[in-house]
Amino acid sequence: NKETECCVCMERQACIMLSCCHEFCEICIDNWTRDEEHSNCPLCRTSVSGSDDTWVLMDKSDAKDHTSDVHSYLMRIADRRGTPRS
């Protein structure tokens, strides 16, 4: 399961997502935005006005970890609704 890589260096794991949904490692986006002329996405040039336009990405959980939770939830809904009528 390959993690999302930085759109700039393509070496490190992306941990920052801009509002345009492009993902970067912290080092690359910090280097880019350190220059006052760069207040946009390095790929699509969408304006980024500050920290409100960025998100820190969390570790992705494995879908298999949630299979039993989803199954239990769906069974509870089915029990509450009863059997379907034909």
C-alpha atoms as a PDB file:
ATOM      1  CA  ASN A   1       0.000   0.000   0.000  1.00  0.00           C
ATOM      2  CA  LYS A   2       1.922   3.015  -1.284  1.00  0.00           C
ATOM      3  CA  GLU A   3       1.413   6.287   0.534  1.00  0.00           C
ATOM      4  CA  THR A   4       0.715   9.471  -1.418  1.00  0.00           C
ATOM      5  CA  GLU A   5       3.964  11.095  -2.424  1.00  0.00           C
ATOM      6  CA  CYS A   6       4.789  14.786  -2.646  1.00  0.00           C
ATOM      7  CA  CYS A   7       3.830  16.346  -6.005  1.00  0.00           C
ATOM      8  CA  VAL A   8       7.101  18.315  -6.082  1.00  0.00           C
ATOM      9  CA  CYS A   9       9.959  16.078  -4.945  1.00  0.00           C
ATOM     10  CA  MET A  10       8.108  12.778  -5.481  1.00  0.00           C
ATOM     11  CA  GLU A  11      10.288  11.286  -2.738  1.00  0.00           C
ATOM     12  CA  ARG A  12       8.726  12.079   0.618  1.00  0.00           C
ATOM     13  CA  GLN A  13       5.245  11.296   1.862  1.00  0.00           C
ATOM     14  CA  ALA A  14       2.750  14.112   1.311  1.00  0.00           C
ATOM     15  CA  CYS A  15       1.376  15.431   4.572  1.00  0.00           C
ATOM     16  CA  ILE A  16      -0.043  18.808   3.489  1.00  0.00           C
ATOM     17  CA  MET A  17      -3.000  19.255   1.129  1.00  0.00           C
ATOM     18  CA  LEU A  18      -3.907  22.621  -0.357  1.00  0.00           C
ATOM     19  CA  SER A  19      -7.486  23.665  -1.089  1.00  0.00           C
ATOM     20  CA  CYS A  20      -6.935  22.643  -4.730  1.00  0.00           C
ATOM     21  CA  CYS A  21      -6.301  19.078  -3.450  1.00  0.00           C
ATOM     22  CA  HIS A  22      -2.643  18.912  -4.497  1.00  0.00           C
ATOM     23  CA  GLU A  23      -0.501  17.230  -1.841  1.00  0.00           C
ATOM     24  CA  PHE A  24       3.031  18.107  -0.771  1.00  0.00           C
ATOM     25  CA  CYS A  25       5.576  17.183   1.853  1.00  0.00           C
ATOM     26  CA  GLU A  26       6.115  19.792   4.520  1.00  0.00           C
ATOM     27  CA  ILE A  27       9.644  20.599   3.338  1.00  0.00           C
ATOM     28  CA  CYS A  28       8.667  21.344  -0.270  1.00  0.00           C
ATOM     29  CA  ILE A  29       5.610  23.473   0.537  1.00  0.00           C
ATOM     30  CA  ASP A  30       7.528  25.380   3.227  1.00  0.00           C
ATOM     31  CA  ASN A  31      10.327  26.117   0.750  1.00  0.00           C
ATOM     32  CA  TRP A  32       7.796  27.215  -1.865  1.00  0.00           C
ATOM     33  CA  THR A  33       5.755  29.508   0.390  1.00  0.00           C
ATOM     34  CA  ARG A  34       8.810  30.989   2.109  1.00  0.00           C
ATOM     35  CA  ASP A  35       9.200  33.196  -0.987  1.00  0.00           C
ATOM     36  CA  GLU A  36       6.651  36.022  -0.618  1.00  0.00           C
ATOM     37  CA  GLU A  37       5.878  35.878  -4.357  1.00  0.00           C
ATOM     38  CA  HIS A  38       4.558  32.325  -3.996  1.00  0.00           C
ATOM     39  CA  SER A  39       1.102  32.492  -2.459  1.00  0.00           C
ATOM     40  CA  ASN A  40      -0.307  29.859  -4.788  1.00  0.00           C
ATOM     41  CA  CYS A  41      -0.121  26.162  -5.508  1.00  0.00           C
ATOM     42  CA  PRO A  42       3.153  25.229  -7.230  1.00  0.00           C
ATOM     43  CA  LEU A  43       1.265  22.959  -9.654  1.00  0.00           C
ATOM     44  CA  CYS A  44      -1.972  24.680 -10.668  1.00  0.00           C
ATOM     45  CA  ARG A  45      -1.303  28.211  -9.350  1.00  0.00           C
ATOM     46  CA  THR A  46      -4.554  28.321  -7.355  1.00  0.00           C
ATOM     47  CA  SER A  47      -4.305  31.105  -4.800  1.00  0.00           C
ATOM     48  CA  VAL A  48      -3.527  29.998  -1.239  1.00  0.00           C
ATOM     49  CA  SER A  49      -4.157  32.774   1.238  1.00  0.00           C
ATOM     50  CA  GLY A  50      -2.865  31.122   4.393  1.00  0.00           C
ATOM     51  CA  SER A  51      -3.251  28.265   6.821  1.00  0.00           C
ATOM     52  CA  ASP A  52      -7.035  28.244   6.281  1.00  0.00           C
ATOM     53  CA  ASP A  53      -6.341  26.939   2.767  1.00  0.00           C
ATOM     54  CA  THR A  54      -4.180  23.990   3.861  1.00  0.00           C
ATOM     55  CA  TRP A  55      -4.921  20.735   5.612  1.00  0.00           C
ATOM     56  CA  VAL A  56      -2.603  18.383   7.441  1.00  0.00           C
ATOM     57  CA  LEU A  57      -3.243  14.852   6.245  1.00  0.00           C
ATOM     58  CA  MET A  58      -3.752  12.122   8.811  1.00  0.00           C
ATOM     59  CA  ASP A  59      -2.485   8.589   8.427  1.00  0.00           C
ATOM     60  CA  LYS A  60      -4.884   6.635   6.276  1.00  0.00           C
ATOM     61  CA  SER A  61      -6.511   3.756   8.096  1.00  0.00           C
ATOM     62  CA  ASP A  62      -6.823   0.368   6.488  1.00  0.00           C
ATOM     63  CA  ALA A  63     -10.344  -0.337   5.215  1.00  0.00           C
ATOM     64  CA  LYS A  64     -10.100  -3.894   6.561  1.00  0.00           C
ATOM     65  CA  ASP A  65      -9.967  -2.422  10.068  1.00  0.00           C
ATOM     66  CA  HIS A  66     -13.504  -1.069   9.642  1.00  0.00           C
ATOM     67  CA  THR A  67     -15.235  -3.973   7.888  1.00  0.00           C
ATOM     68  CA  SER A  68     -16.722  -5.464  11.041  1.00  0.00           C
ATOM     69  CA  ASP A  69     -17.818  -2.004  12.266  1.00  0.00           C
ATOM     70  CA  VAL A  70     -19.664  -1.329   9.008  1.00  0.00           C
ATOM     71  CA  HIS A  71     -21.236  -4.791   9.036  1.00  0.00           C
ATOM     72  CA  SER A  72     -22.464  -4.339  12.631  1.00  0.00           C
ATOM     73  CA  TYR A  73     -23.865  -0.902  11.824  1.00  0.00           C
ATOM     74  CA  LEU A  74     -25.752  -2.172   8.781  1.00  0.00           C
ATOM     75  CA  MET A  75     -27.162  -5.111  10.747  1.00  0.00           C
ATOM     76  CA  ARG A  76     -28.454  -2.747  13.456  1.00  0.00           C
ATOM     77  CA  ILE A  77     -30.183  -0.630  10.802  1.00  0.00           C
ATOM     78  CA  ALA A  78     -31.724  -3.741   9.235  1.00  0.00           C
ATOM     79  CA  ASP A  79     -32.944  -4.980  12.634  1.00  0.00           C
ATOM     80  CA  ARG A  80     -34.624  -1.642  13.355  1.00  0.00           C
ATOM     81  CA  ARG A  81     -36.363  -1.594   9.987  1.00  0.00           C
ATOM     82  CA  GLY A  82     -37.558  -5.187  10.142  1.00  0.00           C
ATOM     83  CA  THR A  83     -37.889  -7.509   7.207  1.00  0.00           C
ATOM     84  CA  PRO A  84     -38.618  -6.033   3.787  1.00  0.00           C
ATOM     85  CA  ARG A  85     -42.141  -6.342   2.404  1.00  0.00           C
ATOM     86  CA  SER A  86     -42.693  -7.858  -1.005  1.00  0.00           C
END
